[in-house]
Amino acid sequence: MVKIRKKPLHDNKELVKGAVFDEPLLSPTPHKKPTSKNLTEDKNKTVSEKFKVAPKEPTVGLTADLAENQQRKLSIFTAKNGRKKAEIVKMLLDEALVDIED
């Protein structure tokens, strides 16, 4: 028996937008092709430099109850910008907490 893999809905934004929000999507931004300058810069980096990542901070889960209107607007915003809801909320929190010292 052959398994048929279904595409997740988040891969087909046109289908999701038409079914849920009845709004057209923004046209996706084209991917830039790497230039020869970028390729030579990548070759000059050592393997250890390529795999360096900033140390991750421990995370804590957060649950928030939103009004249906807020949740709908957040869903539309994330669909248009291609970001996750968590990313948007984290950015908003960062902006709100700029004045707070650690």
PDB file of N, CA and C in Angstrom:
ATOM      1  N   MET A   1       0.841  -1.184   0.000  1.00  0.00           N
ATOM      2  CA  MET A   1       0.000   0.000   0.000  1.00  0.00           C
ATOM      3  C   MET A   1       0.885   1.246   0.000  1.00  0.00           C
ATOM      4  N   VAL A   2       0.582   2.165  -0.857  1.00  0.00           N
ATOM      5  CA  VAL A   2       1.360   3.386  -0.992  1.00  0.00           C
ATOM      6  C   VAL A   2       0.753   4.462  -0.101  1.00  0.00           C
ATOM      7  N   LYS A   3       1.600   5.059   0.736  1.00  0.00           N
ATOM      8  CA  LYS A   3       1.130   6.153   1.587  1.00  0.00           C
ATOM      9  C   LYS A   3       1.156   7.446   0.794  1.00  0.00           C
ATOM     10  N   ILE A   4       0.085   8.187   0.873  1.00  0.00           N
ATOM     11  CA  ILE A   4       0.017   9.485   0.215  1.00  0.00           C
ATOM     12  C   ILE A   4       0.252  10.544   1.278  1.00  0.00           C
ATOM     13  N   ARG A   5       1.268  11.350   1.054  1.00  0.00           N
ATOM     14  CA  ARG A   5       1.595  12.407   2.011  1.00  0.00           C
ATOM     15  C   ARG A   5       0.797  13.651   1.669  1.00  0.00           C
ATOM     16  N   LYS A   6       0.104  14.155   2.629  1.00  0.00           N
ATOM     17  CA  LYS A   6      -0.656  15.386   2.433  1.00  0.00           C
ATOM     18  C   LYS A   6       0.214  16.570   2.790  1.00  0.00           C
ATOM     19  N   LYS A   7       0.063  17.634   2.032  1.00  0.00           N
ATOM     20  CA  LYS A   7       0.799  18.853   2.336  1.00  0.00           C
ATOM     21  C   LYS A   7       0.141  19.544   3.520  1.00  0.00           C
ATOM     22  N   PRO A   8       0.945  20.040   4.467  1.00  0.00           N
ATOM     23  CA  PRO A   8       0.352  20.802   5.564  1.00  0.00           C
ATOM     24  C   PRO A   8      -0.256  22.103   5.044  1.00  0.00           C
ATOM     25  N   LEU A   9      -1.268  22.582   5.730  1.00  0.00           N
ATOM     26  CA  LEU A   9      -1.950  23.793   5.281  1.00  0.00           C
ATOM     27  C   LEU A   9      -1.045  25.012   5.265  1.00  0.00           C
ATOM     28  N   HIS A  10      -0.074  25.076   6.182  1.00  0.00           N
ATOM     29  CA  HIS A  10       0.779  26.261   6.226  1.00  0.00           C
ATOM     30  C   HIS A  10       1.651  26.369   4.979  1.00  0.00           C
ATOM     31  N   ASP A  11       1.831  25.272   4.214  1.00  0.00           N
ATOM     32  CA  ASP A  11       2.596  25.342   2.975  1.00  0.00           C
ATOM     33  C   ASP A  11       1.771  25.937   1.839  1.00  0.00           C
ATOM     34  N   ASN A  12       0.467  25.840   1.926  1.00  0.00           N
ATOM     35  CA  ASN A  12      -0.389  26.344   0.870  1.00  0.00           C
ATOM     36  C   ASN A  12      -1.151  27.556   1.390  1.00  0.00           C
ATOM     37  N   LYS A  13      -0.471  28.686   1.446  1.00  0.00           N
ATOM     38  CA  LYS A  13      -1.048  29.896   2.037  1.00  0.00           C
ATOM     39  C   LYS A  13      -2.258  30.394   1.252  1.00  0.00           C
ATOM     40  N   GLU A  14      -2.260  30.186  -0.058  1.00  0.00           N
ATOM     41  CA  GLU A  14      -3.397  30.639  -0.859  1.00  0.00           C
ATOM     42  C   GLU A  14      -4.666  29.920  -0.420  1.00  0.00           C
ATOM     43  N   LEU A  15      -4.566  28.613  -0.207  1.00  0.00           N
ATOM     44  CA  LEU A  15      -5.716  27.836   0.226  1.00  0.00           C
ATOM     45  C   LEU A  15      -6.185  28.293   1.596  1.00  0.00           C
ATOM     46  N   VAL A  16      -5.246  28.497   2.498  1.00  0.00           N
ATOM     47  CA  VAL A  16      -5.588  28.920   3.851  1.00  0.00           C
ATOM     48  C   VAL A  16      -6.234  30.295   3.828  1.00  0.00           C
ATOM     49  N   LYS A  17      -5.661  31.233   3.102  1.00  0.00           N
ATOM     50  CA  LYS A  17      -6.204  32.594   3.072  1.00  0.00           C
ATOM     51  C   LYS A  17      -7.616  32.597   2.499  1.00  0.00           C
ATOM     52  N   GLY A  18      -7.829  31.877   1.402  1.00  0.00           N
ATOM     53  CA  GLY A  18      -9.146  31.862   0.785  1.00  0.00           C
ATOM     54  C   GLY A  18     -10.183  31.205   1.673  1.00  0.00           C
ATOM     55  N   ALA A  19      -9.791  30.161   2.377  1.00  0.00           N
ATOM     56  CA  ALA A  19     -10.732  29.413   3.192  1.00  0.00           C
ATOM     57  C   ALA A  19     -11.037  30.116   4.506  1.00  0.00           C
ATOM     58  N   VAL A  20     -10.055  30.780   5.076  1.00  0.00           N
ATOM     59  CA  VAL A  20     -10.230  31.336   6.412  1.00  0.00           C
ATOM     60  C   VAL A  20     -10.516  32.833   6.396  1.00  0.00           C
ATOM     61  N   PHE A  21      -9.755  33.595   5.651  1.00  0.00           N
ATOM     62  CA  PHE A  21      -9.823  35.044   5.773  1.00  0.00           C
ATOM     63  C   PHE A  21     -10.425  35.763   4.569  1.00  0.00           C
ATOM     64  N   ASP A  22     -10.572  35.079   3.441  1.00  0.00           N
ATOM     65  CA  ASP A  22     -11.088  35.689   2.216  1.00  0.00           C
ATOM     66  C   ASP A  22     -10.342  36.955   1.837  1.00  0.00           C
ATOM     67  N   GLU A  23      -9.028  36.956   2.030  1.00  0.00           N
ATOM     68  CA  GLU A  23      -8.188  38.085   1.646  1.00  0.00           C
ATOM     69  C   GLU A  23      -7.053  37.564   0.787  1.00  0.00           C
ATOM     70  N   PRO A  24      -6.630  38.323  -0.220  1.00  0.00           N
ATOM     71  CA  PRO A  24      -5.500  37.859  -1.036  1.00  0.00           C
ATOM     72  C   PRO A  24      -4.195  37.983  -0.270  1.00  0.00           C
ATOM     73  N   LEU A  25      -3.274  37.103  -0.586  1.00  0.00           N
ATOM     74  CA  LEU A  25      -1.937  37.156   0.017  1.00  0.00           C
ATOM     75  C   LEU A  25      -1.063  38.159  -0.709  1.00  0.00           C
ATOM     76  N   LEU A  26      -0.096  38.680  -0.019  1.00  0.00           N
ATOM     77  CA  LEU A  26       0.918  39.493  -0.669  1.00  0.00           C
ATOM     78  C   LEU A  26       1.775  38.580  -1.520  1.00  0.00           C
ATOM     79  N   SER A  27       2.304  39.081  -2.609  1.00  0.00           N
ATOM     80  CA  SER A  27       3.156  38.237  -3.441  1.00  0.00           C
ATOM     81  C   SER A  27       4.432  37.917  -2.678  1.00  0.00           C
ATOM     82  N   PRO A  28       4.888  36.657  -2.754  1.00  0.00           N
ATOM     83  CA  PRO A  28       6.097  36.288  -2.008  1.00  0.00           C
ATOM     84  C   PRO A  28       7.317  36.989  -2.568  1.00  0.00           C
ATOM     85  N   THR A  29       8.261  37.272  -1.695  1.00  0.00           N
ATOM     86  CA  THR A  29       9.486  37.931  -2.128  1.00  0.00           C
ATOM     87  C   THR A  29      10.405  36.905  -2.767  1.00  0.00           C
ATOM     88  N   PRO A  30      11.009  37.242  -3.900  1.00  0.00           N
ATOM     89  CA  PRO A  30      11.888  36.283  -4.570  1.00  0.00           C
ATOM     90  C   PRO A  30      13.169  36.087  -3.767  1.00  0.00           C
ATOM     91  N   HIS A  31      13.695  34.869  -3.836  1.00  0.00           N
ATOM     92  CA  HIS A  31      14.949  34.572  -3.146  1.00  0.00           C
ATOM     93  C   HIS A  31      16.106  35.133  -3.954  1.00  0.00           C
ATOM     94  N   LYS A  32      17.068  35.705  -3.248  1.00  0.00           N
ATOM     95  CA  LYS A  32      18.234  36.261  -3.918  1.00  0.00           C
ATOM     96  C   LYS A  32      19.234  35.151  -4.182  1.00  0.00           C
ATOM     97  N   LYS A  33      19.815  35.181  -5.365  1.00  0.00           N
ATOM     98  CA  LYS A  33      20.846  34.210  -5.687  1.00  0.00           C
ATOM     99  C   LYS A  33      22.157  34.679  -5.075  1.00  0.00           C
ATOM    100  N   PRO A  34      22.968  33.749  -4.575  1.00  0.00           N
ATOM    101  CA  PRO A  34      24.245  34.153  -3.989  1.00  0.00           C
ATOM    102  C   PRO A  34      25.182  34.713  -5.051  1.00  0.00           C
ATOM    103  N   THR A  35      25.858  35.775  -4.701  1.00  0.00           N
ATOM    104  CA  THR A  35      26.816  36.369  -5.626  1.00  0.00           C
ATOM    105  C   THR A  35      28.174  35.736  -5.419  1.00  0.00           C
ATOM    106  N   SER A  36      29.064  35.966  -6.352  1.00  0.00           N
ATOM    107  CA  SER A  36      30.395  35.372  -6.239  1.00  0.00           C
ATOM    108  C   SER A  36      31.143  35.948  -5.035  1.00  0.00           C
ATOM    109  N   LYS A  37      30.846  37.206  -4.678  1.00  0.00           N
ATOM    110  CA  LYS A  37      31.484  37.819  -3.516  1.00  0.00           C
ATOM    111  C   LYS A  37      31.085  37.074  -2.242  1.00  0.00           C
ATOM    112  N   ASN A  38      29.775  36.763  -2.114  1.00  0.00           N
ATOM    113  CA  ASN A  38      29.304  36.035  -0.943  1.00  0.00           C
ATOM    114  C   ASN A  38      29.906  34.639  -0.881  1.00  0.00           C
ATOM    115  N   LEU A  39      30.064  34.000  -2.021  1.00  0.00           N
ATOM    116  CA  LEU A  39      30.620  32.654  -2.045  1.00  0.00           C
ATOM    117  C   LEU A  39      32.069  32.649  -1.585  1.00  0.00           C
ATOM    118  N   THR A  40      32.849  33.663  -2.014  1.00  0.00           N
ATOM    119  CA  THR A  40      34.249  33.700  -1.597  1.00  0.00           C
ATOM    120  C   THR A  40      34.368  34.016  -0.111  1.00  0.00           C
ATOM    121  N   GLU A  41      33.456  34.848   0.413  1.00  0.00           N
ATOM    122  CA  GLU A  41      33.478  35.141   1.846  1.00  0.00           C
ATOM    123  C   GLU A  41      33.181  33.882   2.646  1.00  0.00           C
ATOM    124  N   ASP A  42      32.231  33.075   2.165  1.00  0.00           N
ATOM    125  CA  ASP A  42      31.898  31.840   2.858  1.00  0.00           C
ATOM    126  C   ASP A  42      33.063  30.866   2.846  1.00  0.00           C
ATOM    127  N   LYS A  43      33.803  30.822   1.754  1.00  0.00           N
ATOM    128  CA  LYS A  43      34.931  29.906   1.663  1.00  0.00           C
ATOM    129  C   LYS A  43      36.037  30.305   2.631  1.00  0.00           C
ATOM    130  N   ASN A  44      36.179  31.602   2.890  1.00  0.00           N
ATOM    131  CA  ASN A  44      37.234  32.082   3.777  1.00  0.00           C
ATOM    132  C   ASN A  44      36.946  31.788   5.248  1.00  0.00           C
ATOM    133  N   LYS A  45      35.692  31.590   5.597  1.00  0.00           N
ATOM    134  CA  LYS A  45      35.347  31.305   6.985  1.00  0.00           C
ATOM    135  C   LYS A  45      35.744  29.868   7.313  1.00  0.00           C
ATOM    136  N   THR A  46      36.200  29.681   8.519  1.00  0.00           N
ATOM    137  CA  THR A  46      36.531  28.327   8.943  1.00  0.00           C
ATOM    138  C   THR A  46      35.253  27.596   9.317  1.00  0.00           C
ATOM    139  N   VAL A  47      35.353  26.301   9.410  1.00  0.00           N
ATOM    140  CA  VAL A  47      34.184  25.493   9.737  1.00  0.00           C
ATOM    141  C   VAL A  47      33.643  25.857  11.110  1.00  0.00           C
ATOM    142  N   SER A  48      34.532  26.108  12.063  1.00  0.00           N
ATOM    143  CA  SER A  48      34.066  26.442  13.414  1.00  0.00           C
ATOM    144  C   SER A  48      33.328  27.774  13.442  1.00  0.00           C
ATOM    145  N   GLU A  49      33.731  28.721  12.602  1.00  0.00           N
ATOM    146  CA  GLU A  49      33.045  30.018  12.549  1.00  0.00           C
ATOM    147  C   GLU A  49      31.641  29.865  11.976  1.00  0.00           C
ATOM    148  N   LYS A  50      31.480  28.966  11.022  1.00  0.00           N
ATOM    149  CA  LYS A  50      30.165  28.777  10.412  1.00  0.00           C
ATOM    150  C   LYS A  50      29.163  28.188  11.392  1.00  0.00           C
ATOM    151  N   PHE A  51      29.649  27.358  12.314  1.00  0.00           N
ATOM    152  CA  PHE A  51      28.738  26.676  13.212  1.00  0.00           C
ATOM    153  C   PHE A  51      28.593  27.348  14.570  1.00  0.00           C
ATOM    154  N   LYS A  52      29.193  28.515  14.754  1.00  0.00           N
ATOM    155  CA  LYS A  52      29.032  29.235  16.019  1.00  0.00           C
ATOM    156  C   LYS A  52      27.627  29.812  16.087  1.00  0.00           C
ATOM    157  N   VAL A  53      26.999  29.609  17.220  1.00  0.00           N
ATOM    158  CA  VAL A  53      25.681  30.185  17.452  1.00  0.00           C
ATOM    159  C   VAL A  53      25.692  30.856  18.817  1.00  0.00           C
ATOM    160  N   ALA A  54      24.870  31.857  18.946  1.00  0.00           N
ATOM    161  CA  ALA A  54      24.780  32.547  20.229  1.00  0.00           C
ATOM    162  C   ALA A  54      24.221  31.580  21.265  1.00  0.00           C
ATOM    163  N   PRO A  55      24.729  31.644  22.485  1.00  0.00           N
ATOM    164  CA  PRO A  55      24.208  30.739  23.513  1.00  0.00           C
ATOM    165  C   PRO A  55      22.730  31.018  23.750  1.00  0.00           C
ATOM    166  N   LYS A  56      21.956  29.947  23.832  1.00  0.00           N
ATOM    167  CA  LYS A  56      20.518  30.098  24.026  1.00  0.00           C
ATOM    168  C   LYS A  56      20.207  30.279  25.502  1.00  0.00           C
ATOM    169  N   GLU A  57      19.266  31.162  25.755  1.00  0.00           N
ATOM    170  CA  GLU A  57      18.794  31.363  27.118  1.00  0.00           C
ATOM    171  C   GLU A  57      17.749  30.294  27.417  1.00  0.00           C
ATOM    172  N   PRO A  58      17.622  29.921  28.682  1.00  0.00           N
ATOM    173  CA  PRO A  58      16.544  28.986  29.020  1.00  0.00           C
ATOM    174  C   PRO A  58      15.196  29.646  28.738  1.00  0.00           C
ATOM    175  N   THR A  59      14.232  28.862  28.321  1.00  0.00           N
ATOM    176  CA  THR A  59      12.924  29.414  27.986  1.00  0.00           C
ATOM    177  C   THR A  59      11.882  28.982  29.000  1.00  0.00           C
ATOM    178  N   VAL A  60      10.827  29.753  29.073  1.00  0.00           N
ATOM    179  CA  VAL A  60       9.694  29.474  29.945  1.00  0.00           C
ATOM    180  C   VAL A  60       8.446  29.585  29.083  1.00  0.00           C
ATOM    181  N   GLY A  61       7.543  28.641  29.230  1.00  0.00           N
ATOM    182  CA  GLY A  61       6.303  28.677  28.460  1.00  0.00           C
ATOM    183  C   GLY A  61       5.378  29.780  28.946  1.00  0.00           C
ATOM    184  N   LEU A  62       4.591  30.319  28.036  1.00  0.00           N
ATOM    185  CA  LEU A  62       3.651  31.384  28.372  1.00  0.00           C
ATOM    186  C   LEU A  62       2.351  31.113  27.638  1.00  0.00           C
ATOM    187  N   THR A  63       1.259  31.173  28.349  1.00  0.00           N
ATOM    188  CA  THR A  63      -0.053  31.002  27.740  1.00  0.00           C
ATOM    189  C   THR A  63      -0.811  32.299  27.930  1.00  0.00           C
ATOM    190  N   ALA A  64      -1.427  32.774  26.861  1.00  0.00           N
ATOM    191  CA  ALA A  64      -2.188  34.021  26.951  1.00  0.00           C
ATOM    192  C   ALA A  64      -3.558  33.814  26.323  1.00  0.00           C
ATOM    193  N   ASP A  65      -4.588  34.273  26.998  1.00  0.00           N
ATOM    194  CA  ASP A  65      -5.937  34.229  26.457  1.00  0.00           C
ATOM    195  C   ASP A  65      -6.180  35.528  25.704  1.00  0.00           C
ATOM    196  N   LEU A  66      -6.453  35.413  24.414  1.00  0.00           N
ATOM    197  CA  LEU A  66      -6.699  36.577  23.569  1.00  0.00           C
ATOM    198  C   LEU A  66      -8.171  36.635  23.196  1.00  0.00           C
ATOM    199  N   ALA A  67      -8.648  37.835  22.957  1.00  0.00           N
ATOM    200  CA  ALA A  67      -9.985  37.987  22.408  1.00  0.00           C
ATOM    201  C   ALA A  67      -9.982  37.407  20.994  1.00  0.00           C
ATOM    202  N   GLU A  68     -11.118  36.908  20.550  1.00  0.00           N
ATOM    203  CA  GLU A  68     -11.185  36.299  19.215  1.00  0.00           C
ATOM    204  C   GLU A  68     -10.726  37.276  18.141  1.00  0.00           C
ATOM    205  N   ASN A  69     -11.073  38.539  18.297  1.00  0.00           N
ATOM    206  CA  ASN A  69     -10.687  39.554  17.323  1.00  0.00           C
ATOM    207  C   ASN A  69      -9.168  39.719  17.280  1.00  0.00           C
ATOM    208  N   GLN A  70      -8.523  39.738  18.452  1.00  0.00           N
ATOM    209  CA  GLN A  70      -7.063  39.854  18.506  1.00  0.00           C
ATOM    210  C   GLN A  70      -6.401  38.638  17.869  1.00  0.00           C
ATOM    211  N   GLN A  71      -6.922  37.459  18.155  1.00  0.00           N
ATOM    212  CA  GLN A  71      -6.345  36.233  17.612  1.00  0.00           C
ATOM    213  C   GLN A  71      -6.485  36.203  16.092  1.00  0.00           C
ATOM    214  N   ARG A  72      -7.628  36.636  15.577  1.00  0.00           N
ATOM    215  CA  ARG A  72      -7.854  36.665  14.132  1.00  0.00           C
ATOM    216  C   ARG A  72      -6.893  37.641  13.463  1.00  0.00           C
ATOM    217  N   LYS A  73      -6.736  38.828  14.051  1.00  0.00           N
ATOM    218  CA  LYS A  73      -5.820  39.821  13.486  1.00  0.00           C
ATOM    219  C   LYS A  73      -4.375  39.339  13.545  1.00  0.00           C
ATOM    220  N   LEU A  74      -4.006  38.680  14.634  1.00  0.00           N
ATOM    221  CA  LEU A  74      -2.657  38.130  14.756  1.00  0.00           C
ATOM    222  C   LEU A  74      -2.425  37.051  13.701  1.00  0.00           C
ATOM    223  N   SER A  75      -3.425  36.222  13.457  1.00  0.00           N
ATOM    224  CA  SER A  75      -3.311  35.184  12.429  1.00  0.00           C
ATOM    225  C   SER A  75      -3.139  35.797  11.049  1.00  0.00           C
ATOM    226  N   ILE A  76      -3.890  36.833  10.745  1.00  0.00           N
ATOM    227  CA  ILE A  76      -3.772  37.516   9.452  1.00  0.00           C
ATOM    228  C   ILE A  76      -2.390  38.136   9.317  1.00  0.00           C
ATOM    229  N   PHE A  77      -1.935  38.802  10.370  1.00  0.00           N
ATOM    230  CA  PHE A  77      -0.625  39.452  10.348  1.00  0.00           C
ATOM    231  C   PHE A  77       0.491  38.441  10.113  1.00  0.00           C
ATOM    232  N   THR A  78       0.436  37.311  10.815  1.00  0.00           N
ATOM    233  CA  THR A  78       1.483  36.301  10.658  1.00  0.00           C
ATOM    234  C   THR A  78       1.439  35.674   9.275  1.00  0.00           C
ATOM    235  N   ALA A  79       0.255  35.473   8.722  1.00  0.00           N
ATOM    236  CA  ALA A  79       0.147  34.903   7.378  1.00  0.00           C
ATOM    237  C   ALA A  79       0.723  35.854   6.336  1.00  0.00           C
ATOM    238  N   LYS A  80       0.474  37.144   6.499  1.00  0.00           N
ATOM    239  CA  LYS A  80       0.987  38.121   5.537  1.00  0.00           C
ATOM    240  C   LYS A  80       2.497  38.274   5.622  1.00  0.00           C
ATOM    241  N   ASN A  81       3.057  38.131   6.818  1.00  0.00           N
ATOM    242  CA  ASN A  81       4.484  38.366   7.014  1.00  0.00           C
ATOM    243  C   ASN A  81       5.320  37.096   7.059  1.00  0.00           C
ATOM    244  N   GLY A  82       4.686  35.946   7.022  1.00  0.00           N
ATOM    245  CA  GLY A  82       5.425  34.690   7.009  1.00  0.00           C
ATOM    246  C   GLY A  82       6.193  34.410   8.287  1.00  0.00           C
ATOM    247  N   ARG A  83       5.697  34.893   9.395  1.00  0.00           N
ATOM    248  CA  ARG A  83       6.340  34.656  10.689  1.00  0.00           C
ATOM    249  C   ARG A  83       5.387  33.880  11.584  1.00  0.00           C
ATOM    250  N   LYS A  84       5.935  33.314  12.634  1.00  0.00           N
ATOM    251  CA  LYS A  84       5.113  32.587  13.594  1.00  0.00           C
ATOM    252  C   LYS A  84       4.554  33.557  14.623  1.00  0.00           C
ATOM    253  N   LYS A  85       3.425  33.184  15.198  1.00  0.00           N
ATOM    254  CA  LYS A  85       2.797  34.025  16.219  1.00  0.00           C
ATOM    255  C   LYS A  85       3.751  34.263  17.384  1.00  0.00           C
ATOM    256  N   ALA A  86       4.474  33.236  17.779  1.00  0.00           N
ATOM    257  CA  ALA A  86       5.407  33.368  18.903  1.00  0.00           C
ATOM    258  C   ALA A  86       6.479  34.410  18.606  1.00  0.00           C
ATOM    259  N   GLU A  87       6.975  34.447  17.366  1.00  0.00           N
ATOM    260  CA  GLU A  87       7.994  35.439  16.995  1.00  0.00           C
ATOM    261  C   GLU A  87       7.450  36.851  17.137  1.00  0.00           C
ATOM    262  N   ILE A  88       6.224  37.063  16.660  1.00  0.00           N
ATOM    263  CA  ILE A  88       5.610  38.394  16.724  1.00  0.00           C
ATOM    264  C   ILE A  88       5.425  38.811  18.181  1.00  0.00           C
ATOM    265  N   VAL A  89       4.914  37.909  19.002  1.00  0.00           N
ATOM    266  CA  VAL A  89       4.684  38.229  20.413  1.00  0.00           C
ATOM    267  C   VAL A  89       6.007  38.523  21.115  1.00  0.00           C
ATOM    268  N   LYS A  90       7.057  37.753  20.812  1.00  0.00           N
ATOM    269  CA  LYS A  90       8.374  37.998  21.415  1.00  0.00           C
ATOM    270  C   LYS A  90       8.911  39.367  21.023  1.00  0.00           C
ATOM    271  N   MET A  91       8.749  39.759  19.747  1.00  0.00           N
ATOM    272  CA  MET A  91       9.217  41.079  19.307  1.00  0.00           C
ATOM    273  C   MET A  91       8.451  42.184  20.027  1.00  0.00           C
ATOM    274  N   LEU A  92       7.134  42.021  20.155  1.00  0.00           N
ATOM    275  CA  LEU A  92       6.332  43.027  20.853  1.00  0.00           C
ATOM    276  C   LEU A  92       6.734  43.133  22.321  1.00  0.00           C
ATOM    277  N   LEU A  93       6.997  41.998  22.955  1.00  0.00           N
ATOM    278  CA  LEU A  93       7.447  42.027  24.350  1.00  0.00           C
ATOM    279  C   LEU A  93       8.808  42.698  24.478  1.00  0.00           C
ATOM    280  N   ASP A  94       9.717  42.407  23.551  1.00  0.00           N
ATOM    281  CA  ASP A  94      11.035  43.052  23.581  1.00  0.00           C
ATOM    282  C   ASP A  94      10.902  44.565  23.506  1.00  0.00           C
ATOM    283  N   GLU A  95      10.015  45.051  22.616  1.00  0.00           N
ATOM    284  CA  GLU A  95       9.806  46.497  22.488  1.00  0.00           C
ATOM    285  C   GLU A  95       9.206  47.077  23.766  1.00  0.00           C
ATOM    286  N   ALA A  96       8.268  46.362  24.368  1.00  0.00           N
ATOM    287  CA  ALA A  96       7.605  46.864  25.570  1.00  0.00           C
ATOM    288  C   ALA A  96       8.534  46.854  26.780  1.00  0.00           C
ATOM    289  N   LEU A  97       9.493  45.933  26.801  1.00  0.00           N
ATOM    290  CA  LEU A  97      10.358  45.778  27.972  1.00  0.00           C
ATOM    291  C   LEU A  97      11.731  46.407  27.802  1.00  0.00           C
ATOM    292  N   VAL A  98      11.909  47.273  26.818  1.00  0.00           N
ATOM    293  CA  VAL A  98      13.201  47.906  26.556  1.00  0.00           C
ATOM    294  C   VAL A  98      13.692  48.694  27.766  1.00  0.00           C
ATOM    295  N   ASP A  99      12.802  49.387  28.446  1.00  0.00           N
ATOM    296  CA  ASP A  99      13.199  50.256  29.552  1.00  0.00           C
ATOM    297  C   ASP A  99      13.466  49.506  30.857  1.00  0.00           C
ATOM    298  N   ILE A 100      13.106  48.251  30.923  1.00  0.00           N
ATOM    299  CA  ILE A 100      13.297  47.455  32.137  1.00  0.00           C
ATOM    300  C   ILE A 100      14.724  46.927  32.170  1.00  0.00           C
ATOM    301  N   GLU A 101      15.403  47.126  33.304  1.00  0.00           N
ATOM    302  CA  GLU A 101      16.767  46.623  33.445  1.00  0.00           C
ATOM    303  C   GLU A 101      16.731  45.190  33.937  1.00  0.00           C
ATOM    304  N   ASP A 102      17.748  44.408  33.565  1.00  0.00           N
ATOM    305  CA  ASP A 102      17.830  43.000  34.000  1.00  0.00           C
ATOM    306  C   ASP A 102      18.141  42.890  35.458  1.00  0.00           C
TER     307      ASP A 102
END
